Amino acid sequence: MVTIKQTDELALKRWQAMPADIRKRLEDNVFCSNCGVTTIVNYHVDSSDFAIILKGYCQKCNKEVARVID
């Protein structure tokens, strides 16, 4: 189960406007410097320079990870 902590309301709306299968594919394709490709969990949605940023933790080792979505 993914817990989403809201920090940027507009970014969250943009994230939720994406089709669920695309969001799932992006959540499952995050790079962890410890584990390689992993799934992001317990993330919050933020933004920077009009890009959506998922900030959370690696499902495998619990290290902080992030995913930028243009």
PDB file of N, CA and C in Angstrom:
ATOM      1  N   MET A   1       0.837  -1.188   0.000  1.00  0.00           N
ATOM      2  CA  MET A   1       0.000   0.000   0.000  1.00  0.00           C
ATOM      3  C   MET A   1       0.874   1.241   0.000  1.00  0.00           C
ATOM      4  N   VAL A   2       0.584   2.190  -0.857  1.00  0.00           N
ATOM      5  CA  VAL A   2       1.349   3.418  -0.976  1.00  0.00           C
ATOM      6  C   VAL A   2       0.670   4.510  -0.160  1.00  0.00           C
ATOM      7  N   THR A   3       1.427   5.166   0.685  1.00  0.00           N
ATOM      8  CA  THR A   3       0.920   6.299   1.437  1.00  0.00           C
ATOM      9  C   THR A   3       1.382   7.563   0.748  1.00  0.00           C
ATOM     10  N   ILE A   4       0.445   8.441   0.419  1.00  0.00           N
ATOM     11  CA  ILE A   4       0.795   9.688  -0.246  1.00  0.00           C
ATOM     12  C   ILE A   4       0.611  10.829   0.738  1.00  0.00           C
ATOM     13  N   LYS A   5       1.680  11.565   0.974  1.00  0.00           N
ATOM     14  CA  LYS A   5       1.638  12.734   1.846  1.00  0.00           C
ATOM     15  C   LYS A   5       1.597  13.964   0.957  1.00  0.00           C
ATOM     16  N   GLN A   6       0.539  14.721   1.033  1.00  0.00           N
ATOM     17  CA  GLN A   6       0.353  15.859   0.150  1.00  0.00           C
ATOM     18  C   GLN A   6       1.178  17.061   0.600  1.00  0.00           C
ATOM     19  N   THR A   7       1.988  17.606  -0.299  1.00  0.00           N
ATOM     20  CA  THR A   7       2.715  18.832  -0.007  1.00  0.00           C
ATOM     21  C   THR A   7       2.459  19.899  -1.060  1.00  0.00           C
ATOM     22  N   ASP A   8       2.206  19.517  -2.273  1.00  0.00           N
ATOM     23  CA  ASP A   8       1.962  20.465  -3.359  1.00  0.00           C
ATOM     24  C   ASP A   8       0.651  20.065  -4.031  1.00  0.00           C
ATOM     25  N   GLU A   9      -0.393  20.816  -3.747  1.00  0.00           N
ATOM     26  CA  GLU A   9      -1.730  20.455  -4.217  1.00  0.00           C
ATOM     27  C   GLU A   9      -1.836  20.412  -5.738  1.00  0.00           C
ATOM     28  N   LEU A  10      -1.248  21.379  -6.436  1.00  0.00           N
ATOM     29  CA  LEU A  10      -1.306  21.388  -7.898  1.00  0.00           C
ATOM     30  C   LEU A  10      -0.552  20.198  -8.485  1.00  0.00           C
ATOM     31  N   ALA A  11       0.625  19.901  -7.946  1.00  0.00           N
ATOM     32  CA  ALA A  11       1.396  18.749  -8.423  1.00  0.00           C
ATOM     33  C   ALA A  11       0.618  17.454  -8.168  1.00  0.00           C
ATOM     34  N   LEU A  12      -0.030  17.360  -7.016  1.00  0.00           N
ATOM     35  CA  LEU A  12      -0.822  16.167  -6.707  1.00  0.00           C
ATOM     36  C   LEU A  12      -1.978  16.013  -7.693  1.00  0.00           C
ATOM     37  N   LYS A  13      -2.642  17.106  -8.024  1.00  0.00           N
ATOM     38  CA  LYS A  13      -3.742  17.047  -9.002  1.00  0.00           C
ATOM     39  C   LYS A  13      -3.229  16.605 -10.371  1.00  0.00           C
ATOM     40  N   ARG A  14      -2.066  17.134 -10.767  1.00  0.00           N
ATOM     41  CA  ARG A  14      -1.482  16.726 -12.054  1.00  0.00           C
ATOM     42  C   ARG A  14      -1.114  15.245 -12.029  1.00  0.00           C
ATOM     43  N   TRP A  15      -0.560  14.783 -10.917  1.00  0.00           N
ATOM     44  CA  TRP A  15      -0.177  13.371 -10.755  1.00  0.00           C
ATOM     45  C   TRP A  15      -1.410  12.480 -10.846  1.00  0.00           C
ATOM     46  N   GLN A  16      -2.473  12.846 -10.145  1.00  0.00           N
ATOM     47  CA  GLN A  16      -3.683  12.033 -10.133  1.00  0.00           C
ATOM     48  C   GLN A  16      -4.446  12.091 -11.448  1.00  0.00           C
ATOM     49  N   ALA A  17      -4.180  13.100 -12.278  1.00  0.00           N
ATOM     50  CA  ALA A  17      -4.821  13.202 -13.588  1.00  0.00           C
ATOM     51  C   ALA A  17      -4.239  12.203 -14.588  1.00  0.00           C
ATOM     52  N   MET A  18      -3.057  11.671 -14.280  1.00  0.00           N
ATOM     53  CA  MET A  18      -2.449  10.660 -15.155  1.00  0.00           C
ATOM     54  C   MET A  18      -3.205   9.341 -15.001  1.00  0.00           C
ATOM     55  N   PRO A  19      -3.269   8.548 -16.070  1.00  0.00           N
ATOM     56  CA  PRO A  19      -3.907   7.236 -15.956  1.00  0.00           C
ATOM     57  C   PRO A  19      -3.205   6.369 -14.901  1.00  0.00           C
ATOM     58  N   ALA A  20      -3.978   5.575 -14.183  1.00  0.00           N
ATOM     59  CA  ALA A  20      -3.458   4.752 -13.083  1.00  0.00           C
ATOM     60  C   ALA A  20      -2.342   3.819 -13.533  1.00  0.00           C
ATOM     61  N   ASP A  21      -2.441   3.254 -14.740  1.00  0.00           N
ATOM     62  CA  ASP A  21      -1.397   2.330 -15.198  1.00  0.00           C
ATOM     63  C   ASP A  21      -0.069   3.060 -15.439  1.00  0.00           C
ATOM     64  N   ILE A  22      -0.129   4.303 -15.895  1.00  0.00           N
ATOM     65  CA  ILE A  22       1.087   5.096 -16.097  1.00  0.00           C
ATOM     66  C   ILE A  22       1.707   5.440 -14.751  1.00  0.00           C
ATOM     67  N   ARG A  23       0.879   5.857 -13.784  1.00  0.00           N
ATOM     68  CA  ARG A  23       1.390   6.171 -12.445  1.00  0.00           C
ATOM     69  C   ARG A  23       2.071   4.954 -11.833  1.00  0.00           C
ATOM     70  N   LYS A  24       1.460   3.789 -11.964  1.00  0.00           N
ATOM     71  CA  LYS A  24       2.025   2.552 -11.411  1.00  0.00           C
ATOM     72  C   LYS A  24       3.365   2.237 -12.068  1.00  0.00           C
ATOM     73  N   ARG A  25       3.449   2.416 -13.383  1.00  0.00           N
ATOM     74  CA  ARG A  25       4.694   2.155 -14.100  1.00  0.00           C
ATOM     75  C   ARG A  25       5.813   3.092 -13.619  1.00  0.00           C
ATOM     76  N   LEU A  26       5.470   4.354 -13.377  1.00  0.00           N
ATOM     77  CA  LEU A  26       6.454   5.322 -12.885  1.00  0.00           C
ATOM     78  C   LEU A  26       6.869   5.005 -11.448  1.00  0.00           C
ATOM     79  N   GLU A  27       5.924   4.611 -10.595  1.00  0.00           N
ATOM     80  CA  GLU A  27       6.245   4.229  -9.208  1.00  0.00           C
ATOM     81  C   GLU A  27       7.166   3.019  -9.160  1.00  0.00           C
ATOM     82  N   ASP A  28       6.999   2.109 -10.100  1.00  0.00           N
ATOM     83  CA  ASP A  28       7.786   0.871 -10.134  1.00  0.00           C
ATOM     84  C   ASP A  28       9.121   1.016 -10.865  1.00  0.00           C
ATOM     85  N   ASN A  29       9.437   2.217 -11.339  1.00  0.00           N
ATOM     86  CA  ASN A  29      10.659   2.432 -12.109  1.00  0.00           C
ATOM     87  C   ASN A  29      11.440   3.615 -11.525  1.00  0.00           C
ATOM     88  N   VAL A  30      11.893   3.451 -10.292  1.00  0.00           N
ATOM     89  CA  VAL A  30      12.650   4.480  -9.583  1.00  0.00           C
ATOM     90  C   VAL A  30      14.034   3.917  -9.298  1.00  0.00           C
ATOM     91  N   PHE A  31      15.069   4.756  -9.394  1.00  0.00           N
ATOM     92  CA  PHE A  31      16.424   4.289  -9.158  1.00  0.00           C
ATOM     93  C   PHE A  31      16.847   4.538  -7.719  1.00  0.00           C
ATOM     94  N   CYS A  32      17.352   3.499  -7.065  1.00  0.00           N
ATOM     95  CA  CYS A  32      17.931   3.579  -5.732  1.00  0.00           C
ATOM     96  C   CYS A  32      19.430   3.320  -5.877  1.00  0.00           C
ATOM     97  N   SER A  33      20.258   4.175  -5.284  1.00  0.00           N
ATOM     98  CA  SER A  33      21.706   4.001  -5.417  1.00  0.00           C
ATOM     99  C   SER A  33      22.197   2.729  -4.731  1.00  0.00           C
ATOM    100  N   ASN A  34      21.396   2.176  -3.842  1.00  0.00           N
ATOM    101  CA  ASN A  34      21.755   0.945  -3.141  1.00  0.00           C
ATOM    102  C   ASN A  34      21.232  -0.304  -3.863  1.00  0.00           C
ATOM    103  N   CYS A  35      20.005  -0.236  -4.390  1.00  0.00           N
ATOM    104  CA  CYS A  35      19.338  -1.428  -4.943  1.00  0.00           C
ATOM    105  C   CYS A  35      19.190  -1.438  -6.467  1.00  0.00           C
ATOM    106  N   GLY A  36      19.393  -0.303  -7.103  1.00  0.00           N
ATOM    107  CA  GLY A  36      19.127  -0.220  -8.539  1.00  0.00           C
ATOM    108  C   GLY A  36      17.667   0.147  -8.756  1.00  0.00           C
ATOM    109  N   VAL A  37      17.041  -0.443  -9.751  1.00  0.00           N
ATOM    110  CA  VAL A  37      15.639  -0.147 -10.052  1.00  0.00           C
ATOM    111  C   VAL A  37      14.755  -0.729  -8.964  1.00  0.00           C
ATOM    112  N   THR A  38      13.842   0.097  -8.454  1.00  0.00           N
ATOM    113  CA  THR A  38      12.990  -0.303  -7.338  1.00  0.00           C
ATOM    114  C   THR A  38      11.633   0.369  -7.453  1.00  0.00           C
ATOM    115  N   THR A  39      10.799   0.164  -6.447  1.00  0.00           N
ATOM    116  CA  THR A  39       9.496   0.810  -6.331  1.00  0.00           C
ATOM    117  C   THR A  39       9.567   1.842  -5.224  1.00  0.00           C
ATOM    118  N   ILE A  40       9.008   3.026  -5.486  1.00  0.00           N
ATOM    119  CA  ILE A  40       8.962   4.076  -4.466  1.00  0.00           C
ATOM    120  C   ILE A  40       7.725   3.865  -3.591  1.00  0.00           C
ATOM    121  N   VAL A  41       7.893   3.964  -2.282  1.00  0.00           N
ATOM    122  CA  VAL A  41       6.784   3.812  -1.332  1.00  0.00           C
ATOM    123  C   VAL A  41       6.793   4.976  -0.348  1.00  0.00           C
ATOM    124  N   ASN A  42       5.663   5.164   0.330  1.00  0.00           N
ATOM    125  CA  ASN A  42       5.522   6.223   1.333  1.00  0.00           C
ATOM    126  C   ASN A  42       6.016   7.562   0.803  1.00  0.00           C
ATOM    127  N   TYR A  43       5.552   7.908  -0.383  1.00  0.00           N
ATOM    128  CA  TYR A  43       6.033   9.119  -1.036  1.00  0.00           C
ATOM    129  C   TYR A  43       5.050  10.273  -0.914  1.00  0.00           C
ATOM    130  N   HIS A  44       5.576  11.466  -1.153  1.00  0.00           N
ATOM    131  CA  HIS A  44       4.730  12.637  -1.286  1.00  0.00           C
ATOM    132  C   HIS A  44       5.013  13.272  -2.644  1.00  0.00           C
ATOM    133  N   VAL A  45       4.055  14.036  -3.122  1.00  0.00           N
ATOM    134  CA  VAL A  45       4.135  14.635  -4.446  1.00  0.00           C
ATOM    135  C   VAL A  45       4.503  16.105  -4.284  1.00  0.00           C
ATOM    136  N   ASP A  46       5.547  16.514  -4.986  1.00  0.00           N
ATOM    137  CA  ASP A  46       6.037  17.881  -4.929  1.00  0.00           C
ATOM    138  C   ASP A  46       6.264  18.347  -6.363  1.00  0.00           C
ATOM    139  N   SER A  47       6.729  19.568  -6.533  1.00  0.00           N
ATOM    140  CA  SER A  47       7.034  20.048  -7.881  1.00  0.00           C
ATOM    141  C   SER A  47       8.213  21.000  -7.839  1.00  0.00           C
ATOM    142  N   SER A  48       8.858  21.135  -8.992  1.00  0.00           N
ATOM    143  CA  SER A  48       9.955  22.072  -9.163  1.00  0.00           C
ATOM    144  C   SER A  48      10.064  22.386 -10.643  1.00  0.00           C
ATOM    145  N   ASP A  49      10.053  23.658 -10.980  1.00  0.00           N
ATOM    146  CA  ASP A  49      10.157  24.073 -12.388  1.00  0.00           C
ATOM    147  C   ASP A  49       9.168  23.326 -13.279  1.00  0.00           C
ATOM    148  N   PHE A  50       7.927  23.223 -12.847  1.00  0.00           N
ATOM    149  CA  PHE A  50       6.823  22.604 -13.589  1.00  0.00           C
ATOM    150  C   PHE A  50       6.941  21.088 -13.744  1.00  0.00           C
ATOM    151  N   ALA A  51       7.886  20.474 -13.071  1.00  0.00           N
ATOM    152  CA  ALA A  51       8.017  19.010 -13.103  1.00  0.00           C
ATOM    153  C   ALA A  51       7.420  18.444 -11.815  1.00  0.00           C
ATOM    154  N   ILE A  52       6.815  17.290 -11.916  1.00  0.00           N
ATOM    155  CA  ILE A  52       6.295  16.585 -10.741  1.00  0.00           C
ATOM    156  C   ILE A  52       7.446  15.786 -10.142  1.00  0.00           C
ATOM    157  N   ILE A  53       7.572  15.821  -8.832  1.00  0.00           N
ATOM    158  CA  ILE A  53       8.624  15.071  -8.152  1.00  0.00           C
ATOM    159  C   ILE A  53       7.991  14.186  -7.086  1.00  0.00           C
ATOM    160  N   LEU A  54       8.275  12.900  -7.162  1.00  0.00           N
ATOM    161  CA  LEU A  54       7.857  11.960  -6.129  1.00  0.00           C
ATOM    162  C   LEU A  54       9.035  11.781  -5.186  1.00  0.00           C
ATOM    163  N   LYS A  55       8.844  12.065  -3.907  1.00  0.00           N
ATOM    164  CA  LYS A  55       9.899  11.904  -2.912  1.00  0.00           C
ATOM    165  C   LYS A  55       9.419  10.889  -1.889  1.00  0.00           C
ATOM    166  N   GLY A  56      10.180   9.805  -1.748  1.00  0.00           N
ATOM    167  CA  GLY A  56       9.775   8.751  -0.832  1.00  0.00           C
ATOM    168  C   GLY A  56      10.924   7.830  -0.498  1.00  0.00           C
ATOM    169  N   TYR A  57      10.604   6.539  -0.373  1.00  0.00           N
ATOM    170  CA  TYR A  57      11.583   5.557   0.091  1.00  0.00           C
ATOM    171  C   TYR A  57      11.589   4.329  -0.806  1.00  0.00           C
ATOM    172  N   CYS A  58      12.762   3.711  -0.896  1.00  0.00           N
ATOM    173  CA  CYS A  58      12.939   2.467  -1.646  1.00  0.00           C
ATOM    174  C   CYS A  58      12.167   1.355  -0.947  1.00  0.00           C
ATOM    175  N   GLN A  59      11.436   0.586  -1.711  1.00  0.00           N
ATOM    176  CA  GLN A  59      10.665  -0.521  -1.151  1.00  0.00           C
ATOM    177  C   GLN A  59      11.574  -1.617  -0.593  1.00  0.00           C
ATOM    178  N   LYS A  60      12.765  -1.759  -1.159  1.00  0.00           N
ATOM    179  CA  LYS A  60      13.661  -2.847  -0.759  1.00  0.00           C
ATOM    180  C   LYS A  60      14.498  -2.512   0.476  1.00  0.00           C
ATOM    181  N   CYS A  61      15.107  -1.304   0.513  1.00  0.00           N
ATOM    182  CA  CYS A  61      16.053  -0.991   1.593  1.00  0.00           C
ATOM    183  C   CYS A  61      15.644   0.209   2.450  1.00  0.00           C
ATOM    184  N   ASN A  62      14.568   0.864   2.084  1.00  0.00           N
ATOM    185  CA  ASN A  62      14.015   1.998   2.815  1.00  0.00           C
ATOM    186  C   ASN A  62      14.888   3.259   2.721  1.00  0.00           C
ATOM    187  N   LYS A  63      15.802   3.322   1.773  1.00  0.00           N
ATOM    188  CA  LYS A  63      16.627   4.511   1.556  1.00  0.00           C
ATOM    189  C   LYS A  63      15.777   5.565   0.826  1.00  0.00           C
ATOM    190  N   GLU A  64      16.049   6.852   1.070  1.00  0.00           N
ATOM    191  CA  GLU A  64      15.317   7.910   0.395  1.00  0.00           C
ATOM    192  C   GLU A  64      15.593   7.883  -1.104  1.00  0.00           C
ATOM    193  N   VAL A  65      14.524   7.995  -1.897  1.00  0.00           N
ATOM    194  CA  VAL A  65      14.624   8.035  -3.362  1.00  0.00           C
ATOM    195  C   VAL A  65      13.683   9.116  -3.874  1.00  0.00           C
ATOM    196  N   ALA A  66      13.873   9.496  -5.117  1.00  0.00           N
ATOM    197  CA  ALA A  66      13.002  10.484  -5.749  1.00  0.00           C
ATOM    198  C   ALA A  66      12.860  10.139  -7.230  1.00  0.00           C
ATOM    199  N   ARG A  67      11.737  10.572  -7.809  1.00  0.00           N
ATOM    200  CA  ARG A  67      11.481  10.363  -9.227  1.00  0.00           C
ATOM    201  C   ARG A  67      10.972  11.686  -9.800  1.00  0.00           C
ATOM    202  N   VAL A  68      11.633  12.206 -10.829  1.00  0.00           N
ATOM    203  CA  VAL A  68      11.209  13.431 -11.490  1.00  0.00           C
ATOM    204  C   VAL A  68      10.412  13.051 -12.728  1.00  0.00           C
ATOM    205  N   ILE A  69       9.262  13.685 -12.894  1.00  0.00           N
ATOM    206  CA  ILE A  69       8.391  13.406 -14.039  1.00  0.00           C
ATOM    207  C   ILE A  69       8.159  14.722 -14.765  1.00  0.00           C
ATOM    208  N   ASP A  70       8.652  14.807 -16.004  1.00  0.00           N
ATOM    209  CA  ASP A  70       8.512  16.041 -16.797  1.00  0.00           C
ATOM    210  C   ASP A  70       7.114  16.185 -17.341  1.00  0.00           C
TER     211      ASP A  70
END
